[in-house]
Amino acid sequence: YPMLSAHENLHFYANAFGLPKEKIASQIEFCVETTGLQQFYYKRSQTY
């Protein structure tokens, strides 16, 4: 969703995929670090 940030998109899809709540934070952290999105994590993705 381009109107959402990476933070919002990843949390939305993590819940949509049915990830256990206790694993969501660590798995999102892995995905963000792997793809180098840390600096842009809270920016709206349509600006990317």
All heavy atoms as atom14 arrays in JSON, in Angstrom:
{
  "sequence": "YPMLSAHENLHFYANAFGLPKEKIASQIEFCVETTGLQQFYYKRSQTY",
  "atom14_mask": [
    [1, 1, 1, 1, 1, 1, 1, 1, 1, 1, 1, 1, 0, 0],
    [1, 1, 1, 1, 1, 1, 1, 0, 0, 0, 0, 0, 0, 0],
    [1, 1, 1, 1, 1, 1, 1, 1, 0, 0, 0, 0, 0, 0],
    [1, 1, 1, 1, 1, 1, 1, 1, 0, 0, 0, 0, 0, 0],
    [1, 1, 1, 1, 1, 1, 0, 0, 0, 0, 0, 0, 0, 0],
    [1, 1, 1, 1, 1, 0, 0, 0, 0, 0, 0, 0, 0, 0],
    [1, 1, 1, 1, 1, 1, 1, 1, 1, 1, 0, 0, 0, 0],
    [1, 1, 1, 1, 1, 1, 1, 1, 1, 0, 0, 0, 0, 0],
    [1, 1, 1, 1, 1, 1, 1, 1, 0, 0, 0, 0, 0, 0],
    [1, 1, 1, 1, 1, 1, 1, 1, 0, 0, 0, 0, 0, 0],
    [1, 1, 1, 1, 1, 1, 1, 1, 1, 1, 0, 0, 0, 0],
    [1, 1, 1, 1, 1, 1, 1, 1, 1, 1, 1, 0, 0, 0],
    [1, 1, 1, 1, 1, 1, 1, 1, 1, 1, 1, 1, 0, 0],
    [1, 1, 1, 1, 1, 0, 0, 0, 0, 0, 0, 0, 0, 0],
    [1, 1, 1, 1, 1, 1, 1, 1, 0, 0, 0, 0, 0, 0],
    [1, 1, 1, 1, 1, 0, 0, 0, 0, 0, 0, 0, 0, 0],
    [1, 1, 1, 1, 1, 1, 1, 1, 1, 1, 1, 0, 0, 0],
    [1, 1, 1, 1, 0, 0, 0, 0, 0, 0, 0, 0, 0, 0],
    [1, 1, 1, 1, 1, 1, 1, 1, 0, 0, 0, 0, 0, 0],
    [1, 1, 1, 1, 1, 1, 1, 0, 0, 0, 0, 0, 0, 0],
    [1, 1, 1, 1, 1, 1, 1, 1, 1, 0, 0, 0, 0, 0],
    [1, 1, 1, 1, 1, 1, 1, 1, 1, 0, 0, 0, 0, 0],
    [1, 1, 1, 1, 1, 1, 1, 1, 1, 0, 0, 0, 0, 0],
    [1, 1, 1, 1, 1, 1, 1, 1, 0, 0, 0, 0, 0, 0],
    [1, 1, 1, 1, 1, 0, 0, 0, 0, 0, 0, 0, 0, 0],
    [1, 1, 1, 1, 1, 1, 0, 0, 0, 0, 0, 0, 0, 0],
    [1, 1, 1, 1, 1, 1, 1, 1, 1, 0, 0, 0, 0, 0],
    [1, 1, 1, 1, 1, 1, 1, 1, 0, 0, 0, 0, 0, 0],
    [1, 1, 1, 1, 1, 1, 1, 1, 1, 0, 0, 0, 0, 0],
    [1, 1, 1, 1, 1, 1, 1, 1, 1, 1, 1, 0, 0, 0],
    [1, 1, 1, 1, 1, 1, 0, 0, 0, 0, 0, 0, 0, 0],
    [1, 1, 1, 1, 1, 1, 1, 0, 0, 0, 0, 0, 0, 0],
    [1, 1, 1, 1, 1, 1, 1, 1, 1, 0, 0, 0, 0, 0],
    [1, 1, 1, 1, 1, 1, 1, 0, 0, 0, 0, 0, 0, 0],
    [1, 1, 1, 1, 1, 1, 1, 0, 0, 0, 0, 0, 0, 0],
    [1, 1, 1, 1, 0, 0, 0, 0, 0, 0, 0, 0, 0, 0],
    [1, 1, 1, 1, 1, 1, 1, 1, 0, 0, 0, 0, 0, 0],
    [1, 1, 1, 1, 1, 1, 1, 1, 1, 0, 0, 0, 0, 0],
    [1, 1, 1, 1, 1, 1, 1, 1, 1, 0, 0, 0, 0, 0],
    [1, 1, 1, 1, 1, 1, 1, 1, 1, 1, 1, 0, 0, 0],
    [1, 1, 1, 1, 1, 1, 1, 1, 1, 1, 1, 1, 0, 0],
    [1, 1, 1, 1, 1, 1, 1, 1, 1, 1, 1, 1, 0, 0],
    [1, 1, 1, 1, 1, 1, 1, 1, 1, 0, 0, 0, 0, 0],
    [1, 1, 1, 1, 1, 1, 1, 1, 1, 1, 1, 0, 0, 0],
    [1, 1, 1, 1, 1, 1, 0, 0, 0, 0, 0, 0, 0, 0],
    [1, 1, 1, 1, 1, 1, 1, 1, 1, 0, 0, 0, 0, 0],
    [1, 1, 1, 1, 1, 1, 1, 0, 0, 0, 0, 0, 0, 0],
    [1, 1, 1, 1, 1, 1, 1, 1, 1, 1, 1, 1, 0, 0]
  ],
  "atom14_positions": [
    [[0.84, -1.2, 0.0], [0.0, 0.0, 0.0], [0.88, 1.25, 0.0], [1.57, 1.52, 0.98], [-0.93, -0.01, 1.21], [-1.93, -1.14, 1.16], [-1.7, -2.33, 1.85], [-3.1, -1.02, 0.42], [-2.61, -3.37, 1.79], [-4.02, -2.05, 0.36], [-3.77, -3.23, 1.04], [-4.68, -4.26, 0.98], [0.0, 0.0, 0.0], [0.0, 0.0, 0.0]],
    [[0.88, 2.02, -1.09], [1.8, 3.16, -1.2], [1.54, 4.27, -0.2], [2.45, 5.04, 0.11], [1.58, 3.65, -2.64], [0.26, 3.13, -3.05], [0.1, 1.83, -2.32], [0.0, 0.0, 0.0], [0.0, 0.0, 0.0], [0.0, 0.0, 0.0], [0.0, 0.0, 0.0], [0.0, 0.0, 0.0], [0.0, 0.0, 0.0], [0.0, 0.0, 0.0]],
    [[0.32, 4.36, 0.33], [0.02, 5.4, 1.31], [0.55, 5.06, 2.7], [0.56, 5.91, 3.59], [-1.49, 5.64, 1.38], [-2.1, 6.21, 0.1], [-1.47, 7.85, -0.28], [-2.25, 8.81, 1.05], [0.0, 0.0, 0.0], [0.0, 0.0, 0.0], [0.0, 0.0, 0.0], [0.0, 0.0, 0.0], [0.0, 0.0, 0.0], [0.0, 0.0, 0.0]],
    [[1.0, 3.82, 2.86], [1.52, 3.38, 4.15], [3.05, 3.35, 4.14], [3.68, 3.22, 3.09], [1.0, 1.98, 4.49], [-0.52, 1.8, 4.54], [-0.86, 0.35, 4.91], [-1.16, 2.77, 5.53], [0.0, 0.0, 0.0], [0.0, 0.0, 0.0], [0.0, 0.0, 0.0], [0.0, 0.0, 0.0], [0.0, 0.0, 0.0], [0.0, 0.0, 0.0]],
    [[3.64, 3.45, 5.3], [5.09, 3.33, 5.44], [5.5, 1.87, 5.4], [4.65, 0.96, 5.44], [5.54, 3.94, 6.78], [5.0, 3.17, 7.85], [0.0, 0.0, 0.0], [0.0, 0.0, 0.0], [0.0, 0.0, 0.0], [0.0, 0.0, 0.0], [0.0, 0.0, 0.0], [0.0, 0.0, 0.0], [0.0, 0.0, 0.0], [0.0, 0.0, 0.0]],
    [[6.8, 1.61, 5.33], [7.28, 0.24, 5.42], [6.86, -0.38, 6.74], [6.44, -1.55, 6.79], [8.81, 0.21, 5.27], [0.0, 0.0, 0.0], [0.0, 0.0, 0.0], [0.0, 0.0, 0.0], [0.0, 0.0, 0.0], [0.0, 0.0, 0.0], [0.0, 0.0, 0.0], [0.0, 0.0, 0.0], [0.0, 0.0, 0.0], [0.0, 0.0, 0.0]],
    [[6.94, 0.37, 7.81], [6.52, -0.09, 9.14], [5.07, -0.56, 9.1], [4.74, -1.67, 9.56], [6.68, 1.05, 10.15], [5.98, 0.83, 11.45], [6.51, 0.05, 12.46], [4.78, 1.28, 11.91], [5.68, 0.04, 13.48], [4.62, 0.77, 13.17], [0.0, 0.0, 0.0], [0.0, 0.0, 0.0], [0.0, 0.0, 0.0], [0.0, 0.0, 0.0]],
    [[4.2, 0.24, 8.52], [2.77, -0.1, 8.49], [2.49, -1.26, 7.53], [1.69, -2.16, 7.84], [1.97, 1.14, 8.08], [2.01, 2.24, 9.14], [1.53, 3.58, 8.61], [1.77, 3.87, 7.41], [0.94, 4.34, 9.39], [0.0, 0.0, 0.0], [0.0, 0.0, 0.0], [0.0, 0.0, 0.0], [0.0, 0.0, 0.0], [0.0, 0.0, 0.0]],
    [[3.14, -1.25, 6.38], [2.95, -2.34, 5.43], [3.39, -3.68, 6.02], [2.67, -4.69, 5.92], [3.72, -2.07, 4.14], [2.91, -1.32, 3.11], [1.94, -1.83, 2.56], [3.3, -0.07, 2.84], [0.0, 0.0, 0.0], [0.0, 0.0, 0.0], [0.0, 0.0, 0.0], [0.0, 0.0, 0.0], [0.0, 0.0, 0.0], [0.0, 0.0, 0.0]],
    [[4.56, -3.7, 6.62], [5.09, -4.96, 7.14], [4.25, -5.49, 8.3], [4.02, -6.71, 8.4], [6.55, -4.77, 7.56], [7.53, -4.61, 6.39], [8.89, -4.12, 6.87], [7.68, -5.91, 5.61], [0.0, 0.0, 0.0], [0.0, 0.0, 0.0], [0.0, 0.0, 0.0], [0.0, 0.0, 0.0], [0.0, 0.0, 0.0], [0.0, 0.0, 0.0]],
    [[3.78, -4.62, 9.16], [2.92, -5.08, 10.25], [1.58, -5.58, 9.71], [1.03, -6.58, 10.2], [2.71, -3.96, 11.28], [3.81, -3.88, 12.29], [4.99, -3.23, 12.06], [3.91, -4.4, 13.55], [5.79, -3.33, 13.11], [5.15, -4.04, 14.03], [0.0, 0.0, 0.0], [0.0, 0.0, 0.0], [0.0, 0.0, 0.0], [0.0, 0.0, 0.0]],
    [[1.05, -4.88, 8.71], [-0.23, -5.33, 8.12], [-0.08, -6.73, 7.53], [-0.91, -7.63, 7.8], [-0.68, -4.35, 7.03], [-1.85, -4.86, 6.24], [-3.14, -4.74, 6.74], [-1.66, -5.46, 5.0], [-4.23, -5.22, 6.01], [-2.75, -5.94, 4.28], [-4.03, -5.82, 4.78], [0.0, 0.0, 0.0], [0.0, 0.0, 0.0], [0.0, 0.0, 0.0]],
    [[0.97, -6.94, 6.71], [1.12, -8.23, 6.07], [1.54, -9.32, 7.05], [1.15, -10.49, 6.87], [2.13, -8.12, 4.92], [1.53, -7.52, 3.67], [1.82, -6.2, 3.29], [0.66, -8.24, 2.87], [1.26, -5.64, 2.16], [0.11, -7.69, 1.73], [0.4, -6.39, 1.38], [-0.17, -5.84, 0.26], [0.0, 0.0, 0.0], [0.0, 0.0, 0.0]],
    [[2.27, -8.98, 8.06], [2.63, -9.98, 9.08], [1.38, -10.54, 9.73], [1.26, -11.75, 9.96], [3.55, -9.36, 10.11], [0.0, 0.0, 0.0], [0.0, 0.0, 0.0], [0.0, 0.0, 0.0], [0.0, 0.0, 0.0], [0.0, 0.0, 0.0], [0.0, 0.0, 0.0], [0.0, 0.0, 0.0], [0.0, 0.0, 0.0], [0.0, 0.0, 0.0]],
    [[0.43, -9.66, 10.03], [-0.84, -10.11, 10.62], [-1.69, -10.85, 9.59], [-2.33, -11.86, 9.92], [-1.61, -8.92, 11.19], [-1.03, -8.42, 12.5], [-1.2, -9.04, 13.55], [-0.32, -7.3, 12.46], [0.0, 0.0, 0.0], [0.0, 0.0, 0.0], [0.0, 0.0, 0.0], [0.0, 0.0, 0.0], [0.0, 0.0, 0.0], [0.0, 0.0, 0.0]],
    [[-1.67, -10.36, 8.35], [-2.45, -11.04, 7.3], [-1.92, -12.44, 7.03], [-2.7, -13.37, 6.73], [-2.41, -10.21, 6.01], [0.0, 0.0, 0.0], [0.0, 0.0, 0.0], [0.0, 0.0, 0.0], [0.0, 0.0, 0.0], [0.0, 0.0, 0.0], [0.0, 0.0, 0.0], [0.0, 0.0, 0.0], [0.0, 0.0, 0.0], [0.0, 0.0, 0.0]],
    [[-0.61, -12.63, 7.15], [-0.01, -13.95, 6.94], [-0.2, -14.86, 8.14], [0.12, -16.05, 8.08], [1.49, -13.82, 6.65], [1.81, -13.14, 5.35], [3.08, -12.63, 5.12], [0.87, -13.0, 4.34], [3.4, -12.01, 3.92], [1.17, -12.38, 3.14], [2.43, -11.88, 2.93], [0.0, 0.0, 0.0], [0.0, 0.0, 0.0], [0.0, 0.0, 0.0]],
    [[-0.69, -14.32, 9.24], [-0.92, -15.12, 10.43], [0.32, -15.42, 11.23], [0.39, -16.46, 11.92], [0.0, 0.0, 0.0], [0.0, 0.0, 0.0], [0.0, 0.0, 0.0], [0.0, 0.0, 0.0], [0.0, 0.0, 0.0], [0.0, 0.0, 0.0], [0.0, 0.0, 0.0], [0.0, 0.0, 0.0], [0.0, 0.0, 0.0], [0.0, 0.0, 0.0]],
    [[1.32, -14.54, 11.19], [2.51, -14.75, 12.01], [2.15, -14.7, 13.49], [1.34, -13.85, 13.9], [3.58, -13.68, 11.71], [4.65, -14.03, 10.68], [4.03, -14.2, 9.3], [5.74, -12.98, 10.65], [0.0, 0.0, 0.0], [0.0, 0.0, 0.0], [0.0, 0.0, 0.0], [0.0, 0.0, 0.0], [0.0, 0.0, 0.0], [0.0, 0.0, 0.0]],
    [[2.71, -15.57, 14.31], [2.47, -15.5, 15.76], [2.89, -14.13, 16.29], [3.93, -13.59, 15.89], [3.35, -16.61, 16.32], [3.57, -17.55, 15.19], [3.59, -16.7, 13.95], [0.0, 0.0, 0.0], [0.0, 0.0, 0.0], [0.0, 0.0, 0.0], [0.0, 0.0, 0.0], [0.0, 0.0, 0.0], [0.0, 0.0, 0.0], [0.0, 0.0, 0.0]],
    [[2.08, -13.55, 17.16], [2.34, -12.2, 17.64], [3.71, -12.06, 18.27], [4.37, -11.02, 18.16], [1.25, -11.79, 18.63], [-0.11, -11.58, 17.98], [-1.13, -11.05, 18.96], [-2.46, -10.78, 18.27], [-3.48, -10.25, 19.22], [0.0, 0.0, 0.0], [0.0, 0.0, 0.0], [0.0, 0.0, 0.0], [0.0, 0.0, 0.0], [0.0, 0.0, 0.0]],
    [[4.17, -13.12, 18.95], [5.47, -13.04, 19.62], [6.64, -13.05, 18.64], [7.78, -12.73, 19.01], [5.63, -14.19, 20.62], [5.66, -15.59, 20.04], [4.27, -16.19, 19.84], [3.27, -15.44, 19.94], [4.2, -17.4, 19.58], [0.0, 0.0, 0.0], [0.0, 0.0, 0.0], [0.0, 0.0, 0.0], [0.0, 0.0, 0.0], [0.0, 0.0, 0.0]],
    [[6.39, -13.41, 17.36], [7.46, -13.45, 16.38], [7.45, -12.27, 15.42], [8.41, -12.07, 14.67], [7.35, -14.75, 15.55], [7.61, -16.03, 16.34], [7.69, -17.23, 15.43], [8.89, -17.15, 14.5], [9.04, -18.36, 13.68], [0.0, 0.0, 0.0], [0.0, 0.0, 0.0], [0.0, 0.0, 0.0], [0.0, 0.0, 0.0], [0.0, 0.0, 0.0]],
    [[6.4, -11.48, 15.44], [6.25, -10.41, 14.45], [7.39, -9.41, 14.52], [8.01, -9.07, 13.5], [4.89, -9.7, 14.61], [3.76, -10.62, 14.12], [4.86, -8.38, 13.82], [2.37, -10.03, 14.28], [0.0, 0.0, 0.0], [0.0, 0.0, 0.0], [0.0, 0.0, 0.0], [0.0, 0.0, 0.0], [0.0, 0.0, 0.0], [0.0, 0.0, 0.0]],
    [[7.7, -8.94, 15.71], [8.72, -7.9, 15.85], [10.09, -8.38, 15.35], [10.77, -7.67, 14.6], [8.81, -7.44, 17.3], [0.0, 0.0, 0.0], [0.0, 0.0, 0.0], [0.0, 0.0, 0.0], [0.0, 0.0, 0.0], [0.0, 0.0, 0.0], [0.0, 0.0, 0.0], [0.0, 0.0, 0.0], [0.0, 0.0, 0.0], [0.0, 0.0, 0.0]],
    [[10.48, -9.58, 15.75], [11.8, -10.08, 15.36], [11.87, -10.39, 13.87], [12.9, -10.15, 13.23], [12.15, -11.34, 16.18], [11.21, -12.38, 15.94], [0.0, 0.0, 0.0], [0.0, 0.0, 0.0], [0.0, 0.0, 0.0], [0.0, 0.0, 0.0], [0.0, 0.0, 0.0], [0.0, 0.0, 0.0], [0.0, 0.0, 0.0], [0.0, 0.0, 0.0]],
    [[10.78, -10.89, 13.31], [10.8, -11.22, 11.89], [10.81, -9.95, 11.03], [11.5, -9.88, 10.02], [9.6, -12.09, 11.52], [9.63, -12.62, 10.09], [10.87, -13.44, 9.77], [11.55, -13.94, 10.67], [11.19, -13.58, 8.49], [0.0, 0.0, 0.0], [0.0, 0.0, 0.0], [0.0, 0.0, 0.0], [0.0, 0.0, 0.0], [0.0, 0.0, 0.0]],
    [[10.07, -8.93, 11.46], [10.1, -7.67, 10.73], [11.48, -7.04, 10.82], [12.0, -6.49, 9.84], [9.01, -6.71, 11.26], [7.63, -7.18, 10.81], [9.26, -5.28, 10.78], [6.48, -6.34, 11.3], [0.0, 0.0, 0.0], [0.0, 0.0, 0.0], [0.0, 0.0, 0.0], [0.0, 0.0, 0.0], [0.0, 0.0, 0.0], [0.0, 0.0, 0.0]],
    [[12.1, -7.13, 11.96], [13.46, -6.6, 12.11], [14.42, -7.3, 11.15], [15.25, -6.64, 10.5], [13.94, -6.79, 13.55], [15.33, -6.22, 13.8], [15.79, -6.42, 15.24], [15.05, -7.05, 16.03], [16.9, -5.96, 15.57], [0.0, 0.0, 0.0], [0.0, 0.0, 0.0], [0.0, 0.0, 0.0], [0.0, 0.0, 0.0], [0.0, 0.0, 0.0]],
    [[14.28, -8.62, 11.02], [15.12, -9.37, 10.08], [14.88, -8.9, 8.65], [15.83, -8.67, 7.88], [14.82, -10.87, 10.19], [15.37, -11.68, 9.05], [16.72, -12.0, 8.99], [14.53, -12.11, 8.03], [17.23, -12.74, 7.92], [15.02, -12.85, 6.96], [16.37, -13.17, 6.91], [0.0, 0.0, 0.0], [0.0, 0.0, 0.0], [0.0, 0.0, 0.0]],
    [[13.62, -8.74, 8.27], [13.28, -8.33, 6.9], [13.81, -6.93, 6.59], [14.31, -6.67, 5.49], [11.76, -8.37, 6.71], [11.04, -10.02, 6.81], [0.0, 0.0, 0.0], [0.0, 0.0, 0.0], [0.0, 0.0, 0.0], [0.0, 0.0, 0.0], [0.0, 0.0, 0.0], [0.0, 0.0, 0.0], [0.0, 0.0, 0.0], [0.0, 0.0, 0.0]],
    [[13.69, -6.03, 7.55], [14.14, -4.65, 7.36], [15.66, -4.6, 7.23], [16.22, -3.93, 6.36], [13.66, -3.76, 8.51], [14.32, -2.38, 8.44], [12.13, -3.6, 8.45], [0.0, 0.0, 0.0], [0.0, 0.0, 0.0], [0.0, 0.0, 0.0], [0.0, 0.0, 0.0], [0.0, 0.0, 0.0], [0.0, 0.0, 0.0], [0.0, 0.0, 0.0]],
    [[16.37, -5.33, 8.09], [17.83, -5.35, 8.03], [18.33, -6.02, 6.75], [19.29, -5.55, 6.12], [18.39, -6.08, 9.25], [18.22, -5.3, 10.55], [18.82, -6.03, 11.74], [19.29, -7.18, 11.55], [18.81, -5.46, 12.85], [0.0, 0.0, 0.0], [0.0, 0.0, 0.0], [0.0, 0.0, 0.0], [0.0, 0.0, 0.0], [0.0, 0.0, 0.0]],
    [[17.66, -7.09, 6.34], [18.08, -7.82, 5.14], [17.95, -6.96, 3.9], [18.8, -7.01, 3.0], [17.23, -9.1, 4.98], [17.44, -9.95, 6.11], [17.62, -9.85, 3.71], [0.0, 0.0, 0.0], [0.0, 0.0, 0.0], [0.0, 0.0, 0.0], [0.0, 0.0, 0.0], [0.0, 0.0, 0.0], [0.0, 0.0, 0.0], [0.0, 0.0, 0.0]],
    [[16.91, -6.14, 3.84], [16.65, -5.33, 2.65], [17.12, -3.88, 2.8], [16.93, -3.07, 1.88], [15.15, -5.34, 2.32], [14.39, -4.91, 3.46], [14.7, -6.75, 1.93], [0.0, 0.0, 0.0], [0.0, 0.0, 0.0], [0.0, 0.0, 0.0], [0.0, 0.0, 0.0], [0.0, 0.0, 0.0], [0.0, 0.0, 0.0], [0.0, 0.0, 0.0]],
    [[17.73, -3.55, 3.93], [18.32, -2.23, 4.1], [17.32, -1.09, 4.14], [17.58, 0.0, 3.62], [0.0, 0.0, 0.0], [0.0, 0.0, 0.0], [0.0, 0.0, 0.0], [0.0, 0.0, 0.0], [0.0, 0.0, 0.0], [0.0, 0.0, 0.0], [0.0, 0.0, 0.0], [0.0, 0.0, 0.0], [0.0, 0.0, 0.0], [0.0, 0.0, 0.0]],
    [[16.19, -1.31, 4.81], [15.13, -0.3, 4.86], [15.12, 0.53, 6.14], [14.21, 1.34, 6.35], [13.75, -0.98, 4.7], [13.43, -1.56, 3.33], [12.12, -2.35, 3.39], [13.33, -0.45, 2.28], [0.0, 0.0, 0.0], [0.0, 0.0, 0.0], [0.0, 0.0, 0.0], [0.0, 0.0, 0.0], [0.0, 0.0, 0.0], [0.0, 0.0, 0.0]],
    [[16.11, 0.36, 7.0], [16.07, 0.99, 8.32], [15.86, 2.5, 8.24], [15.02, 3.06, 8.97], [17.39, 0.72, 9.08], [17.69, -0.74, 9.33], [18.6, -1.33, 8.28], [18.48, -1.02, 7.09], [19.52, -2.19, 8.7], [0.0, 0.0, 0.0], [0.0, 0.0, 0.0], [0.0, 0.0, 0.0], [0.0, 0.0, 0.0], [0.0, 0.0, 0.0]],
    [[16.58, 3.17, 7.37], [16.54, 4.63, 7.3], [15.19, 5.15, 6.79], [14.81, 6.3, 7.05], [17.66, 5.11, 6.38], [17.81, 6.62, 6.3], [18.96, 7.04, 5.39], [19.81, 6.21, 5.03], [18.99, 8.31, 5.02], [0.0, 0.0, 0.0], [0.0, 0.0, 0.0], [0.0, 0.0, 0.0], [0.0, 0.0, 0.0], [0.0, 0.0, 0.0]],
    [[14.45, 4.28, 6.1], [13.2, 4.71, 5.45], [11.98, 4.02, 6.06], [10.89, 4.07, 5.5], [13.27, 4.39, 3.95], [14.54, 4.89, 3.3], [15.64, 4.06, 3.19], [14.63, 6.19, 2.84], [16.81, 4.51, 2.61], [15.79, 6.65, 2.25], [16.89, 5.81, 2.13], [0.0, 0.0, 0.0], [0.0, 0.0, 0.0], [0.0, 0.0, 0.0]],
    [[12.17, 3.41, 7.21], [11.17, 2.52, 7.79], [9.84, 3.23, 8.05], [8.77, 2.66, 7.85], [11.74, 1.93, 9.08], [10.89, 0.89, 9.75], [10.4, -0.2, 9.04], [10.6, 0.97, 11.11], [9.64, -1.18, 9.66], [9.84, 0.0, 11.73], [9.37, -1.06, 11.0], [8.6, -2.03, 11.62], [0.0, 0.0, 0.0], [0.0, 0.0, 0.0]],
    [[9.89, 4.49, 8.5], [8.67, 5.2, 8.87], [8.22, 6.18, 7.8], [7.26, 6.93, 8.02], [8.87, 5.92, 10.2], [9.05, 4.97, 11.37], [10.32, 4.75, 11.93], [7.97, 4.29, 11.9], [10.49, 3.88, 12.98], [8.14, 3.4, 12.97], [9.39, 3.2, 13.5], [9.55, 2.33, 14.55], [0.0, 0.0, 0.0], [0.0, 0.0, 0.0]],
    [[8.88, 6.19, 6.65], [8.47, 7.1, 5.59], [7.42, 6.45, 4.7], [7.46, 5.23, 4.46], [9.7, 7.51, 4.75], [10.69, 8.36, 5.54], [11.85, 8.82, 4.65], [12.81, 9.71, 5.44], [13.94, 10.17, 4.61], [0.0, 0.0, 0.0], [0.0, 0.0, 0.0], [0.0, 0.0, 0.0], [0.0, 0.0, 0.0], [0.0, 0.0, 0.0]],
    [[6.5, 7.25, 4.19], [5.45, 6.73, 3.32], [6.09, 6.12, 2.07], [6.92, 6.75, 1.4], [4.5, 7.86, 2.96], [3.24, 7.4, 2.25], [2.26, 8.53, 2.03], [1.72, 9.02, 3.3], [0.83, 10.01, 3.39], [0.42, 10.63, 2.28], [0.38, 10.39, 4.55], [0.0, 0.0, 0.0], [0.0, 0.0, 0.0], [0.0, 0.0, 0.0]],
    [[5.68, 4.91, 1.72], [6.37, 4.16, 0.67], [6.17, 4.75, -0.73], [6.95, 4.46, -1.63], [5.92, 2.69, 0.68], [4.53, 2.58, 0.57], [0.0, 0.0, 0.0], [0.0, 0.0, 0.0], [0.0, 0.0, 0.0], [0.0, 0.0, 0.0], [0.0, 0.0, 0.0], [0.0, 0.0, 0.0], [0.0, 0.0, 0.0], [0.0, 0.0, 0.0]],
    [[5.16, 5.59, -0.92], [4.98, 6.2, -2.23], [6.08, 7.23, -2.54], [6.28, 7.61, -3.7], [3.61, 6.87, -2.33], [3.43, 8.09, -1.45], [2.05, 8.71, -1.63], [1.19, 8.15, -2.31], [1.83, 9.86, -1.02], [0.0, 0.0, 0.0], [0.0, 0.0, 0.0], [0.0, 0.0, 0.0], [0.0, 0.0, 0.0], [0.0, 0.0, 0.0]],
    [[6.84, 7.61, -1.52], [7.95, 8.55, -1.73], [9.26, 7.82, -2.05], [10.26, 8.47, -2.34], [8.17, 9.42, -0.48], [8.65, 8.58, 0.6], [6.89, 10.12, -0.06], [0.0, 0.0, 0.0], [0.0, 0.0, 0.0], [0.0, 0.0, 0.0], [0.0, 0.0, 0.0], [0.0, 0.0, 0.0], [0.0, 0.0, 0.0], [0.0, 0.0, 0.0]],
    [[9.25, 6.5, -2.03], [10.47, 5.72, -2.23], [10.95, 5.8, -3.68], [10.15, 5.94, -4.62], [10.24, 4.25, -1.89], [10.07, 3.92, -0.43], [10.13, 4.9, 0.55], [9.86, 2.61, -0.02], [9.98, 4.58, 1.9], [9.72, 2.27, 1.31], [9.77, 3.27, 2.27], [9.63, 2.95, 3.58], [0.0, 0.0, 0.0], [0.0, 0.0, 0.0]]
  ]
}
